Amino acid sequence: MMSQYMPILVTFALAGVVMLVLRGANYLLAPKSNNPIRGEAFECGNPSSGSAWGRFSVKFYMTAILFIIFDVEVVFMYPWAVVYRQLGWFGLAEMLIFMAVLGVALLYVWRKGALEWD
């Protein structure tokens, strides 16, 4: 009964050993200088400006969420394209309905002004 779980246990043990070896190598080989510049936040080569606790506009979050939603929805089209010939007309009709729903959702979001960046 337990023999079927042995490969998983070996994998976890191997991952633990690799983690310990890498942590040990980091501890032994990493530079140990306490420079105050190293403690500062690094933002794409620019000195940080403003507080780290600043608030973003809700428009930023709405745009990000909409991008993720539509991006994930479009990813569903790739498997359909791979098996397009096997699905036939039924698969084509399903994808057209799916794309119509996406189009209606995009039109709704556009009309609500959620894509406007002020």
Protein backbone atom coordinates (compact mmCIF):
# COMPACT_ATOMS: atom_id res chain seq x y z
CA MET A 1 0.00 0.00 0.00
CA MET A 2 2.73 2.50 0.95
CA SER A 3 4.96 1.52 -1.97
CA GLN A 4 2.89 3.62 -4.37
CA TYR A 5 3.67 6.75 -2.32
CA MET A 6 7.42 6.07 -2.15
CA PRO A 7 8.31 8.09 -5.32
CA ILE A 8 6.49 11.11 -3.87
CA LEU A 9 8.30 10.79 -0.55
CA VAL A 10 11.66 10.44 -2.33
CA THR A 11 10.88 13.56 -4.38
CA PHE A 12 10.03 15.56 -1.24
CA ALA A 13 13.18 14.31 0.49
CA LEU A 14 15.31 15.22 -2.53
CA ALA A 15 13.71 18.67 -2.69
CA GLY A 16 14.45 19.18 1.01
CA VAL A 17 18.09 18.18 0.55
CA VAL A 18 18.47 20.52 -2.43
CA MET A 19 16.90 23.35 -0.42
CA LEU A 20 19.26 22.78 2.51
CA VAL A 21 22.32 22.61 0.25
CA LEU A 22 21.38 25.84 -1.52
CA ARG A 23 20.65 27.64 1.76
CA GLY A 24 23.97 26.48 3.15
CA ALA A 25 25.82 27.63 0.02
CA ASN A 26 24.10 31.00 0.26
CA TYR A 27 25.08 31.35 3.91
CA LEU A 28 28.73 30.47 3.20
CA LEU A 29 29.25 32.32 -0.10
CA ALA A 30 27.05 35.42 0.14
CA PRO A 31 28.70 38.79 0.81
CA LYS A 32 28.19 39.97 4.35
CA SER A 33 28.51 43.76 4.15
CA ASN A 34 25.99 45.95 5.95
CA ASN A 35 25.86 48.90 3.58
CA PRO A 36 22.90 51.28 4.19
CA ILE A 37 22.39 51.62 0.44
CA ARG A 38 21.63 47.91 0.19
CA GLY A 39 18.71 48.35 2.57
CA GLU A 40 16.95 50.88 0.34
CA ALA A 41 14.15 49.91 -2.00
CA PHE A 42 15.21 49.52 -5.62
CA GLU A 43 12.67 50.64 -8.20
CA CYS A 44 13.98 50.10 -11.73
CA GLY A 45 17.14 52.10 -11.10
CA ASN A 46 15.25 55.18 -9.91
CA PRO A 47 15.43 56.48 -6.36
CA SER A 48 12.21 55.73 -4.53
CA SER A 49 9.76 58.57 -4.27
CA GLY A 50 6.82 58.93 -1.95
CA SER A 51 5.51 56.61 0.66
CA ALA A 52 5.29 52.87 0.17
CA TRP A 53 1.79 53.03 1.63
CA GLY A 54 0.39 55.21 -1.16
CA ARG A 55 -3.02 54.30 -2.53
CA PHE A 56 -3.70 53.38 -6.11
CA SER A 57 -6.79 54.45 -7.93
CA VAL A 58 -9.61 51.92 -8.24
CA LYS A 59 -9.27 52.34 -12.02
CA PHE A 60 -5.86 50.68 -11.79
CA TYR A 61 -7.33 47.61 -10.10
CA MET A 62 -10.30 47.49 -12.47
CA THR A 63 -8.02 47.59 -15.50
CA ALA A 64 -5.76 44.90 -14.04
CA ILE A 65 -8.67 42.61 -13.16
CA LEU A 66 -10.30 43.08 -16.56
CA PHE A 67 -7.02 42.31 -18.29
CA ILE A 68 -6.61 39.10 -16.29
CA ILE A 69 -10.20 38.04 -16.91
CA PHE A 70 -10.06 38.58 -20.67
CA ASP A 71 -6.57 37.11 -20.89
CA VAL A 72 -7.66 33.92 -19.15
CA GLU A 73 -10.76 33.72 -21.33
CA VAL A 74 -8.72 34.03 -24.50
CA VAL A 75 -6.41 31.23 -23.30
CA PHE A 76 -9.41 28.90 -23.63
CA MET A 77 -9.29 29.47 -27.40
CA TYR A 78 -5.92 27.74 -27.85
CA PRO A 79 -7.04 24.19 -27.00
CA TRP A 80 -10.06 24.72 -29.23
CA ALA A 81 -7.80 25.71 -32.12
CA VAL A 82 -5.70 22.57 -31.63
CA VAL A 83 -8.69 20.21 -31.94
CA TYR A 84 -10.73 22.38 -34.32
CA ARG A 85 -11.05 19.75 -37.06
CA GLN A 86 -12.24 17.02 -34.69
CA LEU A 87 -14.96 19.23 -33.19
CA GLY A 88 -16.63 20.01 -36.50
CA TRP A 89 -19.53 22.43 -36.80
CA PHE A 90 -20.65 21.90 -33.22
CA GLY A 91 -17.25 23.06 -31.91
CA LEU A 92 -17.34 26.07 -34.22
CA ALA A 93 -20.81 27.03 -32.97
CA GLU A 94 -19.68 26.69 -29.35
CA MET A 95 -16.66 28.91 -29.95
CA LEU A 96 -18.75 31.51 -31.76
CA ILE A 97 -21.13 31.63 -28.78
CA PHE A 98 -18.16 31.90 -26.41
CA MET A 99 -16.66 34.75 -28.45
CA ALA A 100 -20.04 36.49 -28.61
CA VAL A 101 -20.32 36.38 -24.81
CA LEU A 102 -16.78 37.80 -24.56
CA GLY A 103 -17.68 40.51 -27.06
CA VAL A 104 -20.82 41.47 -25.13
CA ALA A 105 -18.81 41.59 -21.89
CA LEU A 106 -16.16 43.78 -23.52
CA LEU A 107 -18.82 46.09 -24.95
CA TYR A 108 -20.46 46.36 -21.52
CA VAL A 109 -17.16 47.19 -19.82
CA TRP A 110 -16.32 49.69 -22.54
CA ARG A 111 -19.73 51.43 -22.25
CA LYS A 112 -19.36 51.62 -18.44
CA GLY A 113 -16.05 53.43 -18.90
CA ALA A 114 -13.96 50.86 -17.03
CA LEU A 115 -11.30 50.95 -19.75
CA GLU A 116 -10.77 54.72 -19.51
CA TRP A 117 -7.45 55.64 -17.96
CA ASP A 118 -7.55 59.13 -16.43
